[in-house]
N, C-alpha and C. Protein backbone atom coordinates (compact mmCIF):
# COMPACT_ATOMS: atom_id res chain seq x y z
N MET A 1 105.78 129.10 74.07
CA MET A 1 107.01 128.46 74.48
C MET A 1 106.69 127.42 75.56
N GLU A 2 107.17 126.22 75.37
CA GLU A 2 106.91 125.14 76.31
C GLU A 2 107.80 125.29 77.53
N LYS A 3 107.21 125.16 78.70
CA LYS A 3 107.98 125.26 79.94
C LYS A 3 108.40 123.85 80.38
N ASP A 4 109.57 123.76 80.97
CA ASP A 4 109.96 122.50 81.59
C ASP A 4 110.62 122.80 82.92
N PHE A 5 111.04 121.78 83.64
CA PHE A 5 111.62 121.99 84.95
C PHE A 5 113.10 121.71 84.97
N SER A 6 113.79 121.95 83.83
CA SER A 6 115.23 121.73 83.79
C SER A 6 115.97 122.72 84.66
N GLY A 7 115.34 123.84 85.03
CA GLY A 7 115.98 124.82 85.89
C GLY A 7 115.75 124.58 87.37
N LEU A 8 115.16 123.46 87.74
CA LEU A 8 114.89 123.15 89.13
C LEU A 8 116.22 122.98 89.88
N PRO A 9 116.49 123.84 90.87
CA PRO A 9 117.76 123.69 91.61
C PRO A 9 117.72 122.44 92.47
N MET A 10 118.78 121.64 92.37
CA MET A 10 118.85 120.41 93.15
C MET A 10 120.30 120.10 93.48
N PRO A 11 120.51 119.36 94.57
CA PRO A 11 121.86 118.95 94.92
C PRO A 11 122.49 118.12 93.80
N LYS A 12 123.81 118.20 93.67
CA LYS A 12 124.49 117.46 92.59
C LYS A 12 124.23 115.97 92.66
N LEU A 13 124.25 115.41 93.87
CA LEU A 13 124.03 113.97 93.99
C LEU A 13 122.61 113.58 93.60
N VAL A 14 121.63 114.40 93.96
CA VAL A 14 120.24 114.17 93.54
C VAL A 14 120.14 114.25 92.02
N PHE A 15 120.80 115.23 91.43
CA PHE A 15 120.81 115.38 89.97
C PHE A 15 121.37 114.13 89.31
N LYS A 16 122.49 113.63 89.82
CA LYS A 16 123.10 112.41 89.25
C LYS A 16 122.16 111.23 89.36
N MET A 17 121.48 111.10 90.52
CA MET A 17 120.54 109.99 90.70
C MET A 17 119.36 110.11 89.74
N CYS A 18 118.89 111.33 89.52
CA CYS A 18 117.79 111.54 88.57
C CYS A 18 118.21 111.19 87.15
N LEU A 19 119.44 111.49 86.79
CA LEU A 19 119.92 111.12 85.46
C LEU A 19 120.02 109.62 85.29
N LYS A 20 120.17 108.89 86.39
CA LYS A 20 120.23 107.42 86.37
C LYS A 20 118.85 106.79 86.47
N GLY A 21 117.79 107.62 86.63
CA GLY A 21 116.43 107.07 86.62
C GLY A 21 115.61 107.29 87.87
N ALA A 22 116.19 107.90 88.92
CA ALA A 22 115.42 108.18 90.13
C ALA A 22 114.32 109.19 89.82
N LEU A 23 113.16 109.02 90.43
CA LEU A 23 112.02 109.91 90.24
C LEU A 23 111.82 110.73 91.51
N ILE A 24 111.59 112.02 91.36
CA ILE A 24 111.36 112.89 92.51
C ILE A 24 109.93 112.67 92.99
N ALA A 25 109.79 112.44 94.29
CA ALA A 25 108.49 112.14 94.89
C ALA A 25 108.23 113.10 96.05
N GLY A 26 107.15 112.85 96.77
CA GLY A 26 106.86 113.61 97.98
C GLY A 26 106.38 115.03 97.73
N SER A 27 106.50 115.84 98.77
CA SER A 27 105.96 117.20 98.71
C SER A 27 106.66 118.06 97.66
N ARG A 28 107.94 117.83 97.43
CA ARG A 28 108.64 118.61 96.41
C ARG A 28 108.05 118.34 95.02
N ALA A 29 107.79 117.10 94.69
CA ALA A 29 107.20 116.77 93.40
C ALA A 29 105.82 117.41 93.28
N ASN A 30 105.05 117.37 94.37
CA ASN A 30 103.71 117.98 94.33
C ASN A 30 103.79 119.48 94.10
N LYS A 31 104.74 120.16 94.74
CA LYS A 31 104.85 121.61 94.57
C LYS A 31 105.31 121.98 93.17
N VAL A 32 106.23 121.22 92.60
CA VAL A 32 106.65 121.48 91.22
C VAL A 32 105.48 121.25 90.27
N PHE A 33 104.74 120.16 90.50
CA PHE A 33 103.57 119.86 89.68
C PHE A 33 102.57 121.01 89.76
N ASP A 34 102.31 121.50 90.97
CA ASP A 34 101.37 122.62 91.15
C ASP A 34 101.82 123.86 90.40
N SER A 35 103.13 124.08 90.31
CA SER A 35 103.62 125.27 89.62
C SER A 35 103.43 125.18 88.11
N PHE A 36 103.21 123.96 87.60
CA PHE A 36 103.00 123.78 86.17
C PHE A 36 101.55 123.49 85.81
N ASN A 37 100.70 123.32 86.78
CA ASN A 37 99.33 122.91 86.54
C ASN A 37 98.54 124.06 85.92
N ILE A 38 98.28 123.96 84.64
CA ILE A 38 97.57 125.01 83.92
C ILE A 38 96.17 125.22 84.48
N LEU A 39 95.57 124.13 84.99
CA LEU A 39 94.24 124.24 85.56
C LEU A 39 94.24 125.16 86.79
N ASN A 40 95.39 125.30 87.42
CA ASN A 40 95.51 126.21 88.56
C ASN A 40 95.98 127.59 88.13
N GLY A 41 96.17 127.79 86.83
CA GLY A 41 96.62 129.09 86.33
C GLY A 41 98.07 129.38 86.64
N ARG A 42 98.87 128.33 86.81
CA ARG A 42 100.27 128.53 87.17
C ARG A 42 101.12 128.72 85.93
N ASP A 43 102.31 129.26 86.14
CA ASP A 43 103.16 129.65 85.01
C ASP A 43 104.48 128.89 84.93
N GLY A 44 104.66 127.85 85.69
CA GLY A 44 105.89 127.08 85.61
C GLY A 44 107.04 127.68 86.38
N ILE A 45 106.76 128.65 87.24
CA ILE A 45 107.81 129.23 88.07
C ILE A 45 107.81 128.51 89.40
N PHE A 46 108.97 128.17 89.90
CA PHE A 46 109.08 127.38 91.13
C PHE A 46 108.89 128.26 92.35
N LYS A 47 107.66 128.60 92.64
CA LYS A 47 107.34 129.43 93.79
C LYS A 47 107.01 128.54 94.98
N GLY A 48 107.42 128.96 96.13
CA GLY A 48 107.08 128.24 97.35
C GLY A 48 107.91 127.01 97.62
N LEU A 49 108.95 126.77 96.83
CA LEU A 49 109.81 125.62 97.08
C LEU A 49 110.86 126.01 98.12
N ASN A 50 110.91 125.29 99.21
CA ASN A 50 111.92 125.52 100.22
C ASN A 50 113.19 124.80 99.79
N PRO A 51 114.25 125.55 99.48
CA PRO A 51 115.47 124.90 98.99
C PRO A 51 116.12 124.00 100.03
N ASP A 52 115.77 124.18 101.30
CA ASP A 52 116.37 123.38 102.36
C ASP A 52 115.53 122.18 102.77
N SER A 53 114.37 121.99 102.14
CA SER A 53 113.55 120.83 102.49
C SER A 53 114.16 119.56 101.90
N ASP A 54 113.75 118.44 102.43
CA ASP A 54 114.34 117.17 102.02
C ASP A 54 113.93 116.77 100.61
N TRP A 55 114.63 115.80 100.08
CA TRP A 55 114.35 115.23 98.76
C TRP A 55 113.93 113.79 98.95
N ASP A 56 112.84 113.39 98.31
CA ASP A 56 112.38 112.00 98.30
C ASP A 56 112.53 111.49 96.88
N LEU A 57 113.28 110.40 96.74
CA LEU A 57 113.54 109.82 95.42
C LEU A 57 113.08 108.37 95.37
N LEU A 58 112.14 108.10 94.50
CA LEU A 58 111.69 106.74 94.25
C LEU A 58 112.46 106.22 93.04
N VAL A 59 113.04 105.05 93.17
CA VAL A 59 113.83 104.49 92.07
C VAL A 59 113.12 103.24 91.55
N PRO A 60 112.71 103.24 90.27
CA PRO A 60 112.11 102.04 89.70
C PRO A 60 113.11 100.87 89.74
N TYR A 61 112.58 99.67 89.86
CA TYR A 61 113.42 98.48 89.99
C TYR A 61 114.49 98.40 88.91
N GLU A 62 114.14 98.74 87.70
CA GLU A 62 115.10 98.59 86.58
C GLU A 62 116.24 99.61 86.65
N CYS A 63 116.12 100.63 87.46
CA CYS A 63 117.17 101.65 87.60
C CYS A 63 117.96 101.52 88.89
N TRP A 64 117.51 100.66 89.80
CA TRP A 64 118.12 100.55 91.12
C TRP A 64 119.60 100.19 91.06
N GLY A 65 119.98 99.31 90.15
CA GLY A 65 121.38 98.89 90.04
C GLY A 65 122.33 100.05 89.81
N ASP A 66 121.91 101.03 89.03
CA ASP A 66 122.75 102.21 88.76
C ASP A 66 122.69 103.23 89.88
N VAL A 67 121.50 103.47 90.42
CA VAL A 67 121.33 104.50 91.44
C VAL A 67 121.97 104.08 92.77
N LYS A 68 121.86 102.81 93.13
CA LYS A 68 122.39 102.38 94.44
C LYS A 68 123.90 102.58 94.54
N LEU A 69 124.59 102.61 93.42
CA LEU A 69 126.03 102.84 93.44
C LEU A 69 126.39 104.27 93.85
N LEU A 70 125.42 105.17 93.79
CA LEU A 70 125.65 106.57 94.15
C LEU A 70 125.32 106.87 95.62
N ILE A 71 124.71 105.92 96.31
CA ILE A 71 124.32 106.13 97.71
C ILE A 71 125.58 106.13 98.58
N PRO A 72 125.76 107.19 99.38
CA PRO A 72 126.96 107.27 100.23
C PRO A 72 127.02 106.12 101.24
N GLU A 73 128.23 105.75 101.62
CA GLU A 73 128.43 104.64 102.55
C GLU A 73 127.86 104.92 103.93
N ASN A 74 127.75 106.19 104.31
CA ASN A 74 127.25 106.53 105.64
C ASN A 74 125.73 106.63 105.70
N ALA A 75 125.04 106.22 104.65
CA ALA A 75 123.57 106.25 104.62
C ALA A 75 123.01 105.28 105.66
N THR A 76 121.85 105.63 106.19
CA THR A 76 121.15 104.76 107.14
C THR A 76 119.84 104.29 106.51
N ILE A 77 119.23 103.28 107.11
CA ILE A 77 117.96 102.75 106.61
C ILE A 77 116.84 103.71 106.98
N ASN A 78 115.95 104.01 106.01
CA ASN A 78 114.82 104.91 106.29
C ASN A 78 113.53 104.12 106.51
N SER A 79 112.44 104.83 106.76
CA SER A 79 111.17 104.17 107.06
C SER A 79 110.54 103.49 105.84
N PHE A 80 111.02 103.80 104.63
CA PHE A 80 110.50 103.16 103.41
C PHE A 80 111.26 101.87 103.09
N GLY A 81 112.27 101.54 103.91
CA GLY A 81 113.10 100.38 103.61
C GLY A 81 114.22 100.72 102.66
N GLY A 82 114.38 102.00 102.37
CA GLY A 82 115.46 102.46 101.51
C GLY A 82 116.55 103.10 102.36
N PHE A 83 117.12 104.18 101.86
CA PHE A 83 118.24 104.81 102.53
C PHE A 83 118.00 106.29 102.75
N LYS A 84 118.60 106.80 103.83
CA LYS A 84 118.53 108.21 104.18
C LYS A 84 119.96 108.69 104.35
N PHE A 85 120.26 109.86 103.77
CA PHE A 85 121.59 110.44 103.93
C PHE A 85 121.51 111.94 103.73
N LYS A 86 122.57 112.62 104.07
CA LYS A 86 122.66 114.06 103.85
C LYS A 86 123.72 114.33 102.80
N THR A 87 123.44 115.36 101.99
CA THR A 87 124.38 115.76 100.95
C THR A 87 124.34 117.29 100.84
N LEU A 88 125.34 117.84 100.17
CA LEU A 88 125.37 119.28 99.99
C LEU A 88 124.21 119.72 99.11
N ASN A 89 123.54 120.78 99.51
CA ASN A 89 122.43 121.33 98.76
C ASN A 89 122.94 122.03 97.50
N SER A 90 122.03 122.55 96.70
CA SER A 90 122.39 123.20 95.44
C SER A 90 123.26 124.44 95.66
N ASP A 91 123.22 125.01 96.86
CA ASP A 91 124.07 126.17 97.14
C ASP A 91 125.51 125.77 97.44
N GLY A 92 125.76 124.46 97.61
CA GLY A 92 127.10 123.97 97.88
C GLY A 92 127.59 124.22 99.30
N LYS A 93 126.71 124.72 100.17
CA LYS A 93 127.12 125.08 101.53
C LYS A 93 126.35 124.34 102.61
N THR A 94 125.04 124.25 102.45
CA THR A 94 124.20 123.63 103.48
C THR A 94 123.92 122.17 103.15
N LEU A 95 123.63 121.40 104.19
CA LEU A 95 123.29 120.00 104.01
C LEU A 95 121.78 119.84 103.90
N VAL A 96 121.36 118.92 103.06
CA VAL A 96 119.95 118.61 102.89
C VAL A 96 119.79 117.09 102.97
N GLU A 97 118.66 116.65 103.52
CA GLU A 97 118.40 115.23 103.69
C GLU A 97 117.78 114.64 102.43
N VAL A 98 118.21 113.43 102.09
CA VAL A 98 117.69 112.72 100.92
C VAL A 98 117.22 111.34 101.37
N ASP A 99 116.00 110.98 100.98
CA ASP A 99 115.47 109.62 101.17
C ASP A 99 115.37 108.99 99.79
N VAL A 100 115.95 107.83 99.63
CA VAL A 100 115.89 107.14 98.34
C VAL A 100 115.50 105.68 98.59
N TRP A 101 114.54 105.19 97.81
CA TRP A 101 114.09 103.82 97.97
C TRP A 101 113.67 103.26 96.62
N CYS A 102 113.65 101.95 96.54
CA CYS A 102 113.29 101.24 95.32
C CYS A 102 111.83 100.80 95.41
N ASP A 103 111.07 101.09 94.35
CA ASP A 103 109.66 100.71 94.34
C ASP A 103 109.14 100.78 92.91
N ASN A 104 107.97 100.23 92.71
CA ASN A 104 107.29 100.32 91.43
C ASN A 104 106.52 101.65 91.41
N PRO A 105 106.74 102.53 90.43
CA PRO A 105 106.03 103.81 90.38
C PRO A 105 104.51 103.66 90.38
N ILE A 106 103.99 102.64 89.72
CA ILE A 106 102.54 102.43 89.67
C ILE A 106 102.01 102.12 91.07
N THR A 107 102.73 101.31 91.81
CA THR A 107 102.33 101.00 93.19
C THR A 107 102.31 102.27 94.03
N TYR A 108 103.33 103.10 93.88
CA TYR A 108 103.40 104.35 94.64
C TYR A 108 102.21 105.26 94.30
N LEU A 109 101.90 105.40 93.03
CA LEU A 109 100.83 106.30 92.61
C LEU A 109 99.44 105.76 92.96
N SER A 110 99.31 104.46 93.13
CA SER A 110 97.99 103.88 93.39
C SER A 110 97.88 103.34 94.81
N ASN A 111 98.57 103.98 95.75
CA ASN A 111 98.59 103.46 97.11
C ASN A 111 97.34 103.74 97.92
N GLY A 112 96.37 104.46 97.37
CA GLY A 112 95.10 104.64 98.05
C GLY A 112 94.99 105.82 98.98
N TYR A 113 96.01 106.66 99.05
CA TYR A 113 95.91 107.86 99.89
C TYR A 113 94.84 108.79 99.31
N ASP A 114 94.33 109.65 100.16
CA ASP A 114 93.31 110.61 99.73
C ASP A 114 93.90 111.86 99.11
N VAL A 115 95.20 111.89 98.94
CA VAL A 115 95.87 113.04 98.33
C VAL A 115 96.38 112.65 96.95
N VAL A 116 96.60 113.64 96.12
CA VAL A 116 97.16 113.39 94.79
C VAL A 116 98.64 113.06 94.95
N MET A 117 99.05 111.95 94.41
CA MET A 117 100.45 111.53 94.44
C MET A 117 101.09 111.92 93.11
N VAL A 118 102.31 112.43 93.17
CA VAL A 118 103.01 112.89 91.97
C VAL A 118 104.42 112.34 91.96
N LEU A 119 104.87 111.93 90.79
CA LEU A 119 106.27 111.59 90.55
C LEU A 119 106.76 112.48 89.42
N LEU A 120 107.95 112.99 89.56
CA LEU A 120 108.54 113.86 88.56
C LEU A 120 109.74 113.14 87.96
N ASP A 121 109.72 112.91 86.66
CA ASP A 121 110.82 112.26 85.96
C ASP A 121 111.68 113.34 85.32
N TYR A 122 112.81 113.65 85.92
CA TYR A 122 113.66 114.73 85.43
C TYR A 122 114.22 114.42 84.04
N ARG A 123 114.58 113.15 83.79
CA ARG A 123 115.18 112.78 82.50
C ARG A 123 114.24 113.04 81.33
N SER A 124 112.98 112.64 81.48
CA SER A 124 112.04 112.79 80.36
C SER A 124 111.21 114.06 80.46
N ARG A 125 111.40 114.83 81.54
CA ARG A 125 110.66 116.09 81.75
C ARG A 125 109.16 115.84 81.80
N ARG A 126 108.78 114.79 82.55
CA ARG A 126 107.36 114.43 82.65
C ARG A 126 106.94 114.27 84.10
N PHE A 127 105.66 114.48 84.31
CA PHE A 127 105.02 114.19 85.58
C PHE A 127 104.19 112.95 85.44
N PHE A 128 104.10 112.18 86.52
CA PHE A 128 103.15 111.08 86.60
C PHE A 128 102.32 111.35 87.85
N THR A 129 101.03 111.22 87.75
CA THR A 129 100.16 111.58 88.87
C THR A 129 99.06 110.55 89.05
N SER A 130 98.57 110.46 90.29
CA SER A 130 97.46 109.56 90.59
C SER A 130 96.13 110.21 90.28
N SER A 131 96.15 111.47 89.88
CA SER A 131 94.93 112.23 89.62
C SER A 131 94.54 112.14 88.14
N PHE A 132 93.23 112.17 87.91
CA PHE A 132 92.71 112.21 86.54
C PHE A 132 91.99 113.53 86.35
N PHE A 133 92.22 114.17 85.23
CA PHE A 133 91.59 115.46 84.98
C PHE A 133 90.41 115.31 84.03
């Protein structure tokens, strides 16, 4: 049976942005990737994900027009030149921080850091990574 990450709990606004083309980035994408990495003997269960940690969303240029319409008016500018805001978490009670910015996914993955960079595309159920196996 093929595993996917359709059961990944996420805030409603993050879910809507992902359906419009936003890609999950940062430590959350790395942890989800690690849970599916067969080379690590993982089973696709979301272990070790802190539900209250922030969400980082990279939006490809071609999707920005749709995603930017979902950004709340009270959002502030973040360090990536995008936006930072808080929204209700998947539990519907607590607030979680979201960073969303527009960039080229290839640029993000090839930025030269010494760590493996991961993007998670919720719509297509795929990972993109800077690592080669």
